[in-house]
């Protein structure tokens, strides 16, 4: 029988993972039902971003003969090719609309993977609020780190003046990023569909290639009202900043498009002429589907994140051929490490098995990360960790220095890192498993994921103990009723603020994804990171042994 491993190299020569997941039991059914509820909630929240400013403003935008941002993206990318939307829940849980009035993501344009940023003019005219800024800056980071051309679909009124104090000063980074991308030889393209005012005018001004739609695009530092206030001049919009003027007189526009469709066609032609090539290697072998159905991932994760699960069950449903060559399987068993392929790309995987990280796990991780850097192999971190173990025994055994060794290795590793938060992500375990602070190229979360300094009950309990000790030190009785109220309030707050939607709204990940899409999303991310050279670290910091 073909085991899916014939003719492939040493990395896949390990055993094909055998699944022990019981898909017919009541526990599996309950977990699946809970996960489907969470996915339904995710889809409802994502629909808010797709709705933009709502029916009134989308209808008005269409009545003007204009396309919506996702329609523009769909026409820009290659037919039937996927678009990996990033941070669709940006601004979730804030006073600003979900999606942060912009769409960002990675798509293939004329055969070239590109980062695409599109203003949503149905949300306050496409004006940038603080979360728009964060979302666009994150897209710039992705373009620069992975050497992906950046395409800006521009129609923006500039900064949302009501929030200018949080936009104006840090917003200068958007313009700095455009110049740095260009200086690094990473092409930047601006397609201007409507108004680009004030700071928005610098997006075409600083891009390598600029297309403007005739009689629609308006690009000026100051519109007619501001010019009138500043100079007394009564200026005509077309003469001041019209597409025709910029194509014929100022020279800001390189191409004058007849309409939006023509602008998108010209944009595709520009990308086709870039002669842009990936600097990293392609897949090392043909992709092979996993031997287990990704649909089964829905019944894998316990609703109670204190209940452990075997991450090999996840690996079996995302890795090529479900093949996994495990490294040190008998040592440090609460961290699973090993080699696999995903969509043909080699990866080193670190996955939390039982949640807690001990000294052996930390040392194992540090060695494995060094090996991945020696072989220039990207790393995939599958997080389900409650942090490093605490207690007298573990402190005396050196958990601090061993955890520091692992964090040192992660921080100084130079191969691409991709992180997926499957379940819990608490304490310094978040750092050791390459959380957002450690700059993974991409970080995604499953809908039920949680991340905080510690679990809600533990955090509330610590505060309670501290309060009791303070009362005892002052010789005062402890208010048990107030303590119970405090614990309940703290638990509720931490529960809300550790939620995947909350964290994604603050751009602590690049998106909450349906577990069934994990292999596809990770495959697209792996393809993107190979736009840049894949090189291992030449040295690490001092390991405290």
Protein backbone atom coordinates (compact mmCIF):
# COMPACT_ATOMS: atom_id res chain seq x y z
CA UNK A 1 0.00 0.00 0.00
CA UNK A 2 1.25 3.50 -0.82
CA UNK A 3 2.04 5.17 2.50
CA UNK A 4 2.60 8.57 0.94
CA UNK A 5 6.31 8.52 1.75
CA UNK A 6 7.82 6.85 -1.31
CA UNK A 7 10.64 8.70 -3.00
CA UNK A 8 10.84 11.54 -0.52
CA UNK A 9 13.82 12.61 1.52
CA UNK A 10 15.10 12.09 5.02
CA UNK A 11 12.93 14.73 6.63
CA UNK A 12 9.76 12.86 5.71
CA UNK A 13 11.31 9.46 6.35
CA UNK A 14 9.91 9.50 9.88
CA UNK A 15 6.76 7.64 10.73
CA UNK A 16 3.42 8.76 9.42
CA UNK A 17 1.52 9.98 12.45
CA UNK A 18 -1.22 7.67 13.69
CA UNK A 19 -4.30 9.42 15.02
CA UNK A 20 -5.92 8.34 18.25
CA UNK A 21 -8.74 10.87 17.97
CA UNK A 22 -12.15 9.26 18.56
CA UNK A 23 -14.46 11.08 16.20
CA UNK A 24 -17.51 9.05 17.20
CA UNK A 25 -17.57 9.85 20.92
CA UNK A 26 -19.70 12.30 22.88
CA UNK A 27 -16.66 14.32 23.96
CA UNK A 28 -15.63 14.90 20.34
CA UNK A 29 -19.19 15.93 19.43
CA UNK A 30 -19.35 18.43 22.30
CA UNK A 31 -16.01 19.96 21.39
CA UNK A 32 -17.00 20.19 17.74
CA UNK A 33 -20.31 21.89 18.61
CA UNK A 34 -18.52 24.44 20.82
CA UNK A 35 -15.98 25.17 18.08
CA UNK A 36 -18.71 25.62 15.46
CA UNK A 37 -20.45 28.14 17.72
CA UNK A 38 -17.22 30.08 18.02
CA UNK A 39 -16.67 29.97 14.26
CA UNK A 40 -20.20 31.27 13.70
CA UNK A 41 -19.40 34.18 16.03
CA UNK A 42 -16.19 34.80 14.06
CA UNK A 43 -18.11 34.89 10.80
CA UNK A 44 -20.58 37.40 12.24
CA UNK A 45 -17.77 39.70 13.30
CA UNK A 46 -15.95 39.38 9.98
CA UNK A 47 -19.21 40.23 8.21
CA UNK A 48 -19.16 43.59 9.98
CA UNK A 49 -15.84 44.39 8.36
CA UNK A 50 -17.12 43.32 4.94
CA UNK A 51 -20.20 45.54 5.42
CA UNK A 52 -17.95 48.58 5.69
CA UNK A 53 -19.89 51.72 6.52
CA UNK A 54 -23.21 49.93 6.15
CA UNK A 55 -25.92 49.88 3.43
CA UNK A 56 -26.41 53.65 3.32
CA UNK A 57 -22.80 54.42 2.49
CA UNK A 58 -22.09 51.38 0.34
CA UNK A 59 -25.19 52.13 -1.75
CA UNK A 60 -24.12 55.75 -2.12
CA UNK A 61 -20.63 54.64 -3.14
CA UNK A 62 -22.05 52.27 -5.77
CA UNK A 63 -24.42 54.97 -7.03
CA UNK A 64 -21.36 57.02 -7.87
CA UNK A 65 -20.20 54.18 -10.13
CA UNK A 66 -17.44 53.06 -7.83
CA UNK A 67 -16.26 49.64 -6.70
CA UNK A 68 -15.99 48.55 -3.09
CA UNK A 69 -12.49 47.78 -1.77
CA UNK A 70 -12.85 44.00 -1.84
CA UNK A 71 -14.27 44.20 -5.36
CA UNK A 72 -11.18 46.13 -6.43
CA UNK A 73 -8.95 43.51 -4.85
CA UNK A 74 -10.86 40.67 -6.50
CA UNK A 75 -10.32 42.24 -9.92
CA UNK A 76 -6.68 43.00 -9.18
CA UNK A 77 -5.56 39.51 -8.12
CA UNK A 78 -5.21 36.64 -10.57
CA UNK A 79 -8.48 34.86 -11.42
CA UNK A 80 -9.37 32.01 -9.03
CA UNK A 81 -6.36 32.74 -6.83
CA UNK A 82 -6.77 33.01 -3.05
CA UNK A 83 -6.49 36.25 -1.11
CA UNK A 84 -5.21 35.96 2.45
CA UNK A 85 -6.94 38.80 4.26
CA UNK A 86 -5.03 40.04 7.29
CA UNK A 87 -6.41 41.53 10.51
CA UNK A 88 -10.07 41.64 9.42
CA UNK A 89 -11.11 42.17 13.06
CA UNK A 90 -8.86 45.21 13.58
CA UNK A 91 -10.51 47.69 15.96
CA UNK A 92 -12.90 45.03 17.31
CA UNK A 93 -14.17 46.08 20.73
CA UNK A 94 -13.24 49.75 20.26
CA UNK A 95 -15.28 52.82 19.35
CA UNK A 96 -14.15 52.43 15.73
CA UNK A 97 -15.80 50.12 13.16
CA UNK A 98 -14.56 46.53 12.87
CA UNK A 99 -11.98 46.31 10.10
CA UNK A 100 -10.54 49.77 10.82
CA UNK A 101 -11.69 51.23 7.47
CA UNK A 102 -9.07 49.35 5.47
CA UNK A 103 -8.53 45.95 3.87
CA UNK A 104 -5.07 44.39 3.88
CA UNK A 105 -3.78 41.03 2.76
CA UNK A 106 -1.62 38.99 0.42
CA UNK A 107 -2.68 38.09 -3.09
CA UNK A 108 -1.11 36.98 -6.36
CA UNK A 109 -1.07 39.69 -9.03
CA UNK A 110 0.24 38.73 -12.48
CA UNK A 111 1.91 35.73 -10.88
CA UNK A 112 3.61 37.78 -8.16
CA UNK A 113 2.73 37.57 -4.47
CA UNK A 114 1.98 41.10 -3.26
CA UNK A 115 0.80 42.83 -0.12
CA UNK A 116 -2.35 44.77 -0.95
CA UNK A 117 -3.75 47.65 1.12
CA UNK A 118 -7.10 49.19 0.23
CA UNK A 119 -8.87 52.10 1.89
CA UNK A 120 -12.59 51.57 2.52
CA UNK A 121 -14.20 54.85 1.43
CA UNK A 122 -17.60 53.78 2.82
CA UNK A 123 -16.24 54.19 6.38
CA UNK A 124 -15.87 57.91 7.11
CA UNK A 125 -14.56 58.53 3.61
CA UNK A 126 -11.69 56.08 4.11
CA UNK A 127 -10.13 58.33 6.75
CA UNK A 128 -7.46 56.74 8.92
CA UNK A 129 -8.12 56.23 12.62
CA UNK A 130 -5.52 54.90 15.11
CA UNK A 131 -6.40 51.28 14.27
CA UNK A 132 -6.21 51.93 10.52
CA UNK A 133 -2.70 53.19 11.10
CA UNK A 134 -1.68 50.10 13.05
CA UNK A 135 -3.18 47.83 10.42
CA UNK A 136 -1.42 49.57 7.53
CA UNK A 137 1.89 49.66 9.40
CA UNK A 138 1.62 45.93 10.03
CA UNK A 139 1.06 45.37 6.30
CA UNK A 140 4.18 47.41 5.59
CA UNK A 141 6.16 45.25 8.05
CA UNK A 142 5.04 42.12 6.23
CA UNK A 143 5.98 43.54 2.84
CA UNK A 144 9.45 44.57 4.02
CA UNK A 145 10.28 41.39 5.99
CA UNK A 146 9.19 39.10 3.17
CA UNK A 147 10.22 41.29 0.22
CA UNK A 148 6.72 41.42 -1.26
CA UNK A 149 5.69 44.27 -3.59
CA UNK A 150 3.21 46.65 -1.94
CA UNK A 151 0.10 47.78 -3.84
CA UNK A 152 -1.98 50.60 -2.35
CA UNK A 153 -5.56 51.05 -3.54
CA UNK A 154 -6.07 54.65 -2.51
CA UNK A 155 -9.26 56.52 -1.72
CA UNK A 156 -8.88 58.33 1.57
CA UNK A 157 -9.68 61.61 3.22
CA UNK A 158 -6.45 61.39 5.23
CA UNK A 159 -6.45 61.25 9.01
CA UNK A 160 -9.71 61.09 10.93
CA UNK A 161 -9.42 64.52 12.55
CA UNK A 162 -11.32 63.42 15.65
CA UNK A 163 -8.46 61.02 16.46
CA UNK A 164 -5.60 63.02 14.97
CA UNK A 165 -3.63 63.07 18.22
CA UNK A 166 -3.10 59.31 17.88
CA UNK A 167 -2.60 59.32 14.11
CA UNK A 168 -0.55 62.33 13.09
CA UNK A 169 2.82 61.74 14.77
CA UNK A 170 3.12 57.92 14.42
CA UNK A 171 1.50 58.18 10.98
CA UNK A 172 4.74 59.47 9.54
CA UNK A 173 5.99 55.88 9.65
CA UNK A 174 3.70 55.04 6.72
CA UNK A 175 5.65 57.42 4.52
CA UNK A 176 8.99 56.29 5.95
CA UNK A 177 8.04 52.68 5.17
CA UNK A 178 7.28 53.47 1.53
CA UNK A 179 10.73 55.01 1.09
CA UNK A 180 12.42 52.08 2.84
CA UNK A 181 10.61 49.54 0.71
CA UNK A 182 11.70 51.36 -2.42
CA UNK A 183 15.27 51.68 -1.17
CA UNK A 184 15.33 47.93 -0.48
CA UNK A 185 14.33 47.22 -4.07
CA UNK A 186 10.79 46.19 -3.13
CA UNK A 187 8.37 47.75 -5.62
CA UNK A 188 5.53 50.00 -4.46
CA UNK A 189 2.48 50.74 -6.62
CA UNK A 190 -0.35 53.20 -5.92
CA UNK A 191 -3.69 53.02 -7.75
CA UNK A 192 -5.67 56.16 -6.91
CA UNK A 193 -9.44 55.83 -7.34
CA UNK A 194 -10.75 58.88 -5.54
CA UNK A 195 -9.64 61.57 -3.14
CA UNK A 196 -6.21 61.38 -1.53
CA UNK A 197 -5.92 64.39 0.70
CA UNK A 198 -3.24 65.72 3.04
CA UNK A 199 -1.17 62.78 4.32
CA UNK A 200 -3.01 60.51 1.89
CA UNK A 201 -1.38 62.45 -0.97
CA UNK A 202 2.03 61.18 0.06
CA UNK A 203 1.10 57.57 -0.68
CA UNK A 204 1.21 58.18 -4.44
CA UNK A 205 3.92 60.78 -3.88
CA UNK A 206 6.24 58.19 -2.36
CA UNK A 207 5.30 55.16 -4.47
CA UNK A 208 7.42 53.87 -7.37
CA UNK A 209 4.48 53.59 -9.77
CA UNK A 210 1.31 55.69 -9.76
CA UNK A 211 -1.97 55.22 -11.62
CA UNK A 212 -4.82 57.74 -11.32
CA UNK A 213 -8.40 57.44 -12.54
CA UNK A 214 -9.37 60.30 -14.85
CA UNK A 215 -12.05 62.65 -13.50
CA UNK A 216 -12.21 60.63 -10.25
CA UNK A 217 -8.80 60.83 -8.58
CA UNK A 218 -8.06 64.00 -6.62
CA UNK A 219 -4.64 64.26 -5.00
CA UNK A 220 -3.67 67.38 -3.07
CA UNK A 221 -1.98 68.34 0.17
CA UNK A 222 -4.74 70.82 0.84
CA UNK A 223 -8.18 70.75 -0.76
CA UNK A 224 -10.02 73.87 -1.94
CA UNK A 225 -11.39 74.76 1.55
CA UNK A 226 -7.94 74.61 3.15
CA UNK A 227 -6.33 76.51 0.29
CA UNK A 228 -8.99 79.21 0.66
CA UNK A 229 -8.37 79.46 4.39
CA UNK A 230 -4.57 79.41 4.07
CA UNK A 231 -4.04 81.63 1.02
CA UNK A 232 -7.36 83.14 0.02
CA UNK A 233 -7.16 81.43 -3.37
CA UNK A 234 -10.38 80.02 -4.82
CA UNK A 235 -9.08 76.86 -6.42
CA UNK A 236 -10.85 74.41 -8.72
CA UNK A 237 -10.51 70.75 -7.63
CA UNK A 238 -9.38 69.54 -11.05
CA UNK A 239 -6.78 72.28 -11.47
CA UNK A 240 -5.61 71.82 -7.91
CA UNK A 241 -5.24 68.06 -7.85
CA UNK A 242 -7.12 66.29 -10.64
CA UNK A 243 -5.77 63.14 -12.26
CA UNK A 244 -5.51 64.85 -15.65
CA UNK A 245 -3.46 67.69 -14.18
CA UNK A 246 -1.12 65.28 -12.41
CA UNK A 247 -0.67 63.23 -15.61
CA UNK A 248 -0.06 66.23 -17.87
CA UNK A 249 1.36 68.97 -15.65
CA UNK A 250 2.77 67.96 -12.26
CA UNK A 251 4.00 64.54 -13.39
CA UNK A 252 2.80 62.85 -10.19
CA UNK A 253 0.72 60.34 -12.19
CA UNK A 254 2.61 57.87 -14.37
CA UNK A 255 -0.57 56.50 -15.94
CA UNK A 256 -4.00 58.08 -16.53
CA UNK A 257 -6.71 55.41 -16.37
CA UNK A 258 -10.06 55.83 -18.10
CA UNK A 259 -11.96 54.23 -15.20
CA UNK A 260 -11.46 51.92 -12.22
CA UNK A 261 -11.32 48.79 -14.36
CA UNK A 262 -8.66 50.37 -16.53
CA UNK A 263 -6.66 51.37 -13.43
CA UNK A 264 -6.71 47.79 -12.18
CA UNK A 265 -5.70 46.51 -15.62
CA UNK A 266 -2.77 48.95 -15.70
CA UNK A 267 -1.83 47.91 -12.15
CA UNK A 268 -1.66 44.27 -13.21
CA UNK A 269 0.45 45.24 -16.20
CA UNK A 270 2.87 47.17 -13.99
CA UNK A 271 3.34 44.18 -11.69
CA UNK A 272 3.86 41.90 -14.69
CA UNK A 273 6.67 44.17 -15.87
CA UNK A 274 8.47 44.36 -12.52
CA UNK A 275 10.52 41.21 -13.17
CA UNK A 276 10.24 40.61 -9.43
CA UNK A 277 11.60 37.29 -8.22
CA UNK A 278 11.51 35.55 -4.88
CA UNK A 279 14.84 35.59 -3.07
CA UNK A 280 14.07 32.45 -1.06
CA UNK A 281 13.87 28.85 -2.25
CA UNK A 282 10.69 27.31 -3.56
CA UNK A 283 9.08 24.13 -2.23
CA UNK A 284 11.60 21.32 -1.94
CA UNK A 285 9.10 18.67 -3.08
CA UNK A 286 5.52 18.32 -4.33
CA UNK A 287 2.80 18.96 -1.77
CA UNK A 288 0.91 15.95 -0.42
CA UNK A 289 -2.44 16.13 1.32
CA UNK A 290 -2.58 15.01 4.96
CA UNK A 291 -3.93 11.51 5.61
CA UNK A 292 -6.52 12.85 8.04
CA UNK A 293 -9.44 15.20 7.40
CA UNK A 294 -8.86 18.82 8.55
CA UNK A 295 -12.58 18.89 9.44
CA UNK A 296 -11.64 16.73 12.45
CA UNK A 297 -9.71 19.64 13.96
CA UNK A 298 -13.04 21.04 15.12
CA UNK A 299 -13.48 18.28 17.70
CA UNK A 300 -9.91 18.29 18.94
CA UNK A 301 -9.60 21.38 21.16
CA UNK A 302 -11.19 21.16 24.64
CA UNK A 303 -13.48 24.03 25.57
CA UNK A 304 -11.68 24.11 28.94
CA UNK A 305 -8.14 25.13 28.03
CA UNK A 306 -6.80 23.57 31.23
CA UNK A 307 -7.49 20.18 29.65
CA UNK A 308 -4.47 19.11 27.57
CA UNK A 309 -4.58 17.65 24.08
CA UNK A 310 -1.97 16.02 21.85
CA UNK A 311 -0.66 18.51 19.24
CA UNK A 312 0.45 15.60 17.07
CA UNK A 313 -3.24 15.31 16.17
CA UNK A 314 -2.99 18.83 14.73
CA UNK A 315 0.26 18.10 12.92
CA UNK A 316 -1.30 14.97 11.40
CA UNK A 317 -3.99 17.16 9.82
CA UNK A 318 -1.78 19.92 8.41
CA UNK A 319 1.55 18.26 7.46
CA UNK A 320 2.20 16.82 4.01
CA UNK A 321 1.31 13.14 4.07
CA UNK A 322 0.79 13.43 7.86
CA UNK A 323 4.52 12.66 8.06
CA UNK A 324 6.48 13.91 11.05
CA UNK A 325 10.08 13.10 12.05
CA UNK A 326 9.98 13.78 15.78
CA UNK A 327 13.07 15.12 17.53
CA UNK A 328 13.85 13.94 21.09
CA UNK A 329 10.44 12.27 21.52
CA UNK A 330 11.34 10.79 24.94
CA UNK A 331 12.92 13.95 26.37
CA UNK A 332 10.93 16.97 27.52
CA UNK A 333 7.65 15.34 26.43
CA UNK A 334 5.41 18.35 27.11
CA UNK A 335 6.99 20.06 24.08
CA UNK A 336 6.78 18.21 20.76
CA UNK A 337 9.50 19.08 18.26
CA UNK A 338 10.27 17.67 14.84
CA UNK A 339 10.52 18.07 11.08
CA UNK A 340 7.78 18.04 8.46
CA UNK A 341 6.78 19.51 5.11
CA UNK A 342 3.81 21.76 4.52
CA UNK A 343 2.73 22.43 0.93
CA UNK A 344 6.16 21.17 -0.07
CA UNK A 345 8.10 23.58 2.19
CA UNK A 346 10.29 22.12 4.94
CA UNK A 347 9.41 23.28 8.46
CA UNK A 348 10.59 22.66 11.97
CA UNK A 349 7.64 22.42 14.37
CA UNK A 350 7.52 23.23 18.08
CA UNK A 351 4.16 22.34 19.62
CA UNK A 352 3.06 22.42 23.25
CA UNK A 353 1.67 19.05 24.34
CA UNK A 354 0.61 19.36 27.99
CA UNK A 355 0.72 23.14 28.33
CA UNK A 356 3.43 23.58 30.98
CA UNK A 357 7.07 24.06 29.97
CA UNK A 358 9.72 22.53 32.24
CA UNK A 359 13.52 22.85 32.13
CA UNK A 360 13.94 19.84 29.85
CA UNK A 361 11.44 21.29 27.36
CA UNK A 362 13.24 24.62 27.34
CA UNK A 363 16.63 23.01 26.68
CA UNK A 364 15.14 20.79 24.00
CA UNK A 365 13.60 23.83 22.29
CA UNK A 366 16.85 25.78 22.34
CA UNK A 367 18.75 22.92 20.69
CA UNK A 368 16.03 22.38 18.10
CA UNK A 369 15.94 26.08 17.19
CA UNK A 370 19.72 26.02 16.74
CA UNK A 371 19.42 23.02 14.42
CA UNK A 372 16.73 24.76 12.36
CA UNK A 373 18.99 27.78 11.97
CA UNK A 374 21.91 25.57 10.98
CA UNK A 375 19.81 24.01 8.20
CA UNK A 376 18.01 27.28 7.30
CA UNK A 377 14.60 25.72 7.97
CA UNK A 378 11.60 27.94 8.86
CA UNK A 379 9.98 27.31 12.23
CA UNK A 380 6.30 26.81 13.02
CA UNK A 381 5.23 27.38 16.64
CA UNK A 382 1.95 25.75 17.67
CA UNK A 383 1.04 27.35 20.99
CA UNK A 384 -0.95 25.80 23.79
CA UNK A 385 1.01 26.79 26.88
CA UNK A 386 0.24 27.89 30.40
CA UNK A 387 3.84 29.09 30.78
CA UNK A 388 6.97 27.86 32.50
CA UNK A 389 6.61 25.72 35.62
CA UNK A 390 6.85 27.44 39.00
CA UNK A 391 7.58 26.16 42.51
CA UNK A 392 10.53 25.63 44.84
CA UNK A 393 11.76 22.47 43.16
CA UNK A 394 11.66 23.98 39.68
CA UNK A 395 13.29 27.24 40.74
CA UNK A 396 16.13 25.27 42.32
CA UNK A 397 16.49 23.18 39.17
CA UNK A 398 17.01 26.38 37.18
CA UNK A 399 13.72 27.00 35.37
CA UNK A 400 14.60 30.71 35.01
CA UNK A 401 17.92 30.13 33.27
CA UNK A 402 16.52 27.32 31.13
CA UNK A 403 13.48 29.37 30.12
CA UNK A 404 15.87 32.23 29.37
CA UNK A 405 17.89 29.88 27.16
CA UNK A 406 14.79 29.09 25.11
CA UNK A 407 13.78 32.74 24.86
CA UNK A 408 17.34 33.64 23.84
CA UNK A 409 17.21 31.07 21.04
CA UNK A 410 13.83 32.32 19.79
CA UNK A 411 14.86 35.97 19.96
CA UNK A 412 18.09 35.48 18.00
CA UNK A 413 16.87 32.93 15.48
CA UNK A 414 16.86 34.44 11.98
CA UNK A 415 14.93 31.82 10.02
CA UNK A 416 11.30 32.80 9.38
CA UNK A 417 8.94 32.09 12.26
CA UNK A 418 5.19 31.49 11.93
CA UNK A 419 3.06 31.16 15.05
CA UNK A 420 -0.39 29.68 15.57
CA UNK A 421 -2.14 30.10 18.92
CA UNK A 422 -4.32 27.01 19.15
CA UNK A 423 -5.41 27.24 22.78
CA UNK A 424 -3.76 28.83 25.81
CA UNK A 425 -0.89 31.29 25.53
CA UNK A 426 -0.05 32.45 29.03
CA UNK A 427 2.92 34.00 30.79
CA UNK A 428 6.47 33.78 29.51
CA UNK A 429 5.42 30.69 27.56
CA UNK A 430 3.96 33.17 25.07
CA UNK A 431 7.44 34.63 24.64
CA UNK A 432 9.30 31.32 24.46
CA UNK A 433 6.83 30.09 21.82
CA UNK A 434 7.37 33.19 19.67
CA UNK A 435 4.47 35.46 20.58
CA UNK A 436 3.90 38.83 18.92
CA UNK A 437 6.73 40.54 20.85
CA UNK A 438 9.22 38.22 19.13
CA UNK A 439 8.29 39.31 15.61
CA UNK A 440 7.08 36.14 13.93
CA UNK A 441 6.58 36.78 10.22
CA UNK A 442 2.92 35.79 10.75
CA UNK A 443 0.82 34.98 13.80
CA UNK A 444 -2.69 33.52 13.62
CA UNK A 445 -5.15 32.36 16.26
CA UNK A 446 -7.95 29.84 16.46
CA UNK A 447 -11.31 31.23 17.64
CA UNK A 448 -11.12 29.76 21.16
CA UNK A 449 -7.54 30.87 21.85
CA UNK A 450 -6.71 32.83 25.00
CA UNK A 451 -3.63 34.90 25.86
CA UNK A 452 -2.73 36.80 29.03
CA UNK A 453 -0.11 37.05 31.76
CA UNK A 454 -1.90 34.12 33.41
CA UNK A 455 -5.35 32.51 33.52
CA UNK A 456 -8.26 34.58 34.92
CA UNK A 457 -8.68 32.49 38.09
CA UNK A 458 -4.95 32.44 38.78
CA UNK A 459 -4.59 36.19 38.34
CA UNK A 460 -7.58 36.94 40.58
CA UNK A 461 -6.23 34.47 43.15
CA UNK A 462 -2.82 36.15 43.21
CA UNK A 463 -4.44 39.54 43.83
CA UNK A 464 -6.51 38.01 46.61
CA UNK A 465 -3.43 36.54 48.30
CA UNK A 466 -1.59 39.86 48.06
CA UNK A 467 -4.59 41.65 49.55
CA UNK A 468 -4.81 39.20 52.44
CA UNK A 469 -1.12 39.57 53.18
CA UNK A 470 -1.38 43.36 53.15
CA UNK A 471 -4.35 43.28 55.55
CA UNK A 472 -2.52 40.89 57.89
CA UNK A 473 0.58 43.09 57.87
CA UNK A 474 -1.56 46.05 58.99
CA UNK A 475 -3.35 43.97 61.57
CA UNK A 476 -6.73 44.51 59.96
CA UNK A 477 -9.50 42.00 59.25
CA UNK A 478 -9.89 40.97 55.62
CA UNK A 479 -13.16 41.83 53.87
CA UNK A 480 -14.23 38.50 52.39
CA UNK A 481 -17.26 39.98 50.62
CA UNK A 482 -15.14 42.62 48.91
CA UNK A 483 -12.60 39.93 48.04
CA UNK A 484 -15.24 37.81 46.32
CA UNK A 485 -16.48 40.81 44.35
CA UNK A 486 -12.93 41.73 43.37
CA UNK A 487 -12.14 38.20 42.22
CA UNK A 488 -15.30 38.01 40.11
CA UNK A 489 -14.60 41.40 38.50
CA UNK A 490 -10.97 40.57 37.76
CA UNK A 491 -11.81 37.16 36.31
CA UNK A 492 -14.45 38.70 34.05
CA UNK A 493 -12.05 41.41 32.87
CA UNK A 494 -9.17 39.04 32.18
CA UNK A 495 -11.50 36.58 30.46
CA UNK A 496 -12.72 39.37 28.15
CA UNK A 497 -9.27 40.82 27.50
CA UNK A 498 -7.63 37.45 26.81
CA UNK A 499 -10.23 36.53 24.17
CA UNK A 500 -9.00 35.90 20.62
CA UNK A 501 -11.35 38.51 19.14
CA UNK A 502 -10.20 41.17 21.61
CA UNK A 503 -6.53 40.47 20.92
CA UNK A 504 -7.03 40.34 17.16
CA UNK A 505 -8.87 43.66 17.36
CA UNK A 506 -5.68 45.14 18.78
CA UNK A 507 -3.57 43.53 16.04
CA UNK A 508 -1.76 41.15 18.39
CA UNK A 509 -2.25 38.56 15.65
CA UNK A 510 -2.71 38.67 11.88
CA UNK A 511 -6.16 37.13 12.01
CA UNK A 512 -8.42 34.64 13.74
CA UNK A 513 -8.88 31.68 11.41
CA UNK A 514 -11.22 28.72 11.09
CA UNK A 515 -9.17 25.67 12.22
CA UNK A 516 -10.20 23.87 9.03
CA UNK A 517 -8.33 26.53 7.03
CA UNK A 518 -5.10 26.13 9.00
CA UNK A 519 -3.15 24.18 6.37
CA UNK A 520 -4.13 26.62 3.61
CA UNK A 521 -3.34 29.73 5.67
CA UNK A 522 -0.01 28.37 6.85
CA UNK A 523 0.85 27.32 3.31
CA UNK A 524 0.20 30.83 2.01
CA UNK A 525 2.25 32.28 4.86
CA UNK A 526 5.13 29.89 4.12
CA UNK A 527 5.04 30.83 0.46
CA UNK A 528 5.14 34.53 1.42
CA UNK A 529 8.11 34.21 3.78
CA UNK A 530 10.13 32.62 0.99
CA UNK A 531 9.94 35.92 -0.85
CA UNK A 532 13.00 36.84 1.22
CA UNK A 533 16.20 34.82 1.68
CA UNK A 534 15.94 32.07 4.31
CA UNK A 535 19.09 32.27 6.38
CA UNK A 536 19.98 30.84 9.77
CA UNK A 537 21.57 32.78 12.63
CA UNK A 538 25.35 32.87 12.77
CA UNK A 539 25.36 33.22 16.53
CA UNK A 540 23.19 33.44 19.63
CA UNK A 541 23.43 35.32 22.90
CA UNK A 542 25.16 33.79 25.91
CA UNK A 543 23.28 30.71 27.09
CA UNK A 544 23.31 30.53 30.86
CA UNK A 545 23.96 26.84 31.35
